[in-house]
Protein backbone atom coordinates (compact mmCIF):
# COMPACT_ATOMS: atom_id res chain seq x y z
CA UNK A 1 -14.42 15.89 34.77
CA UNK A 2 -11.14 15.10 33.46
CA UNK A 3 -12.11 14.01 29.60
CA UNK A 4 -13.52 17.62 29.63
CA UNK A 5 -10.32 19.06 30.35
CA UNK A 6 -8.60 16.51 27.79
CA UNK A 7 -11.15 17.98 24.64
CA UNK A 8 -10.44 21.24 25.23
CA UNK A 9 -6.75 19.97 25.26
CA UNK A 10 -6.88 18.70 22.21
CA UNK A 11 -8.99 21.85 20.58
CA UNK A 12 -6.68 24.28 21.77
CA UNK A 13 -3.51 22.39 20.15
CA UNK A 14 -6.23 21.87 16.69
CA UNK A 15 -6.85 25.43 17.16
CA UNK A 16 -3.17 26.40 16.16
CA UNK A 17 -3.15 24.05 12.52
CA UNK A 18 -4.28 24.50 9.16
CA UNK A 19 -5.48 21.17 7.13
CA UNK A 20 -4.02 20.96 3.92
CA UNK A 21 -5.20 18.45 1.04
CA UNK A 22 -3.32 17.62 -1.71
CA UNK A 23 -6.75 18.26 -3.90
CA UNK A 24 -5.87 21.95 -3.79
CA UNK A 25 -3.10 21.59 -6.21
CA UNK A 26 -4.50 19.23 -8.34
CA UNK A 27 -4.25 20.39 -12.25
CA UNK A 28 -7.25 17.61 -13.09
CA UNK A 29 -9.54 20.10 -10.50
CA UNK A 30 -11.86 22.47 -11.16
CA UNK A 31 -12.29 25.35 -8.68
CA UNK A 32 -15.48 23.50 -7.92
CA UNK A 33 -14.09 20.22 -7.26
CA UNK A 34 -11.50 21.72 -5.08
CA UNK A 35 -8.26 23.67 -6.47
CA UNK A 36 -7.16 26.28 -4.69
CA UNK A 37 -4.11 27.34 -7.04
CA UNK A 38 -4.18 28.37 -10.32
CA UNK A 39 -3.34 26.49 -13.32
CA UNK A 40 0.56 27.60 -13.37
CA UNK A 41 1.40 26.29 -9.68
CA UNK A 42 -0.97 23.30 -10.07
CA UNK A 43 0.63 19.92 -10.16
CA UNK A 44 -0.50 16.68 -12.16
CA UNK A 45 -2.00 14.44 -9.56
CA UNK A 46 -0.59 15.23 -6.23
CA UNK A 47 0.98 12.60 -3.62
CA UNK A 48 0.25 13.22 0.11
CA UNK A 49 3.91 12.70 0.22
CA UNK A 50 5.20 14.88 -2.21
CA UNK A 51 2.92 17.77 -0.84
CA UNK A 52 3.79 17.09 2.72
CA UNK A 53 7.73 17.25 1.66
CA UNK A 54 7.20 20.46 -0.26
CA UNK A 55 5.73 22.27 3.32
CA UNK A 56 8.61 20.77 5.09
CA UNK A 57 10.63 22.26 2.56
CA UNK A 58 8.52 25.65 2.54
CA UNK A 59 9.61 25.03 6.60
CA UNK A 60 6.00 24.13 8.43
CA UNK A 61 6.31 21.58 10.48
CA UNK A 62 4.11 18.73 9.11
CA UNK A 63 1.35 16.30 10.27
CA UNK A 64 0.58 13.25 8.46
CA UNK A 65 -3.10 11.81 8.48
CA UNK A 66 -3.36 9.41 5.30
CA UNK A 67 -6.82 8.31 6.72
CA UNK A 68 -8.85 11.26 6.33
CA UNK A 69 -10.19 12.33 2.50
CA UNK A 70 -11.23 15.49 0.97
CA UNK A 71 -15.21 15.81 0.92
CA UNK A 72 -15.10 16.19 -2.67
CA UNK A 73 -13.23 13.84 -3.95
CA UNK A 74 -14.17 11.05 -0.87
CA UNK A 75 -13.45 7.85 -3.24
CA UNK A 76 -9.80 8.75 -3.89
CA UNK A 77 -8.68 8.27 -0.53
CA UNK A 78 -5.51 10.36 -0.99
CA UNK A 79 -5.44 11.87 2.92
CA UNK A 80 -4.17 15.17 4.31
CA UNK A 81 -1.73 17.13 6.58
CA UNK A 82 -1.69 19.52 9.34
CA UNK A 83 0.46 22.52 9.35
CA UNK A 84 1.17 25.09 12.06
CA UNK A 85 -1.06 28.57 11.23
CA UNK A 86 1.30 31.54 9.74
CA UNK A 87 -0.35 34.30 7.63
CA UNK A 88 -3.47 33.30 5.50
CA UNK A 89 -4.14 30.15 4.17
CA UNK A 90 -4.28 31.10 0.79
CA UNK A 91 -0.79 32.36 0.79
CA UNK A 92 0.98 29.28 2.82
CA UNK A 93 -1.01 26.87 -0.25
CA UNK A 94 0.79 28.81 -2.81
CA UNK A 95 4.14 28.23 -1.06
CA UNK A 96 3.24 25.02 -0.73
CA UNK A 97 2.55 25.11 -4.36
CA UNK A 98 5.83 26.79 -5.36
CA UNK A 99 7.62 23.73 -4.29
CA UNK A 100 5.83 20.89 -5.75
CA UNK A 101 7.94 20.54 -8.33
CA UNK A 102 11.65 21.10 -6.33
CA UNK A 103 10.45 17.87 -4.22
CA UNK A 104 11.90 14.68 -5.56
CA UNK A 105 10.16 11.05 -4.35
CA UNK A 106 12.37 8.03 -4.36
CA UNK A 107 10.88 5.70 -6.74
CA UNK A 108 9.86 2.53 -4.92
CA UNK A 109 12.05 -0.60 -5.22
CA UNK A 110 11.10 -3.05 -7.72
CA UNK A 111 10.89 -7.01 -6.61
CA UNK A 112 12.88 -9.21 -8.42
CA UNK A 113 11.62 -11.73 -10.05
CA UNK A 114 12.79 -15.57 -10.41
CA UNK A 115 13.38 -17.19 -13.16
CA UNK A 116 10.84 -19.89 -13.95
CA UNK A 117 11.48 -23.50 -15.64
CA UNK A 118 8.11 -25.43 -16.39
CA UNK A 119 8.43 -29.10 -15.72
CA UNK A 120 6.23 -31.80 -17.00
CA UNK A 121 3.70 -32.22 -14.69
CA UNK A 122 3.09 -36.38 -13.35
CA UNK A 123 0.01 -37.54 -15.18
CA UNK A 124 0.57 -34.18 -18.42
CA UNK A 125 -1.43 -35.21 -21.65
CA UNK A 126 1.93 -33.92 -23.20
CA UNK A 127 4.03 -37.15 -21.41
CA UNK A 128 5.41 -39.02 -24.06
CA UNK A 129 4.02 -42.37 -23.06
CA UNK A 130 6.27 -45.45 -22.45
CA UNK A 131 6.14 -48.63 -24.88
C-alpha cells in the first residue's frame, strides 16, 4: 500500500515539471532531428550547463539530469534538465534561447605539465662504452 502512495507522489510532483533538452537549441540540427527554435535563436552545440544557466537567468528553477539522453541523438549523451511549468513550452524554450548567448561558462583550468629531462637508461644502446 505504501509503495502505491509513493509512486503517486512522484508522478504528481513530476506533472508540474517540463523536460528540456539541449538539442532543442542546437544550430546544427534540423527541425526533424529535434531543434525547436529558429536558427537565429539557436546556438552552436549547446552544453547542458550553458542551457541550464540560461534557464536560471530566465527565472526558472532548474533540476539537472545528465544521465538521460534525447532519443533522436542518444549517441551524444548531452543530458537534460527539468523546469517548472509556466505557460506553454514553446514560450519557455524561446525565453531560454534568448539567454543562451548571455551566459558565460568558466573555462576549465588546464593542468600544469612538469618539464621532463631525459636521462639515459642503464644499459642503453646510446651510452658510451668504457675502455
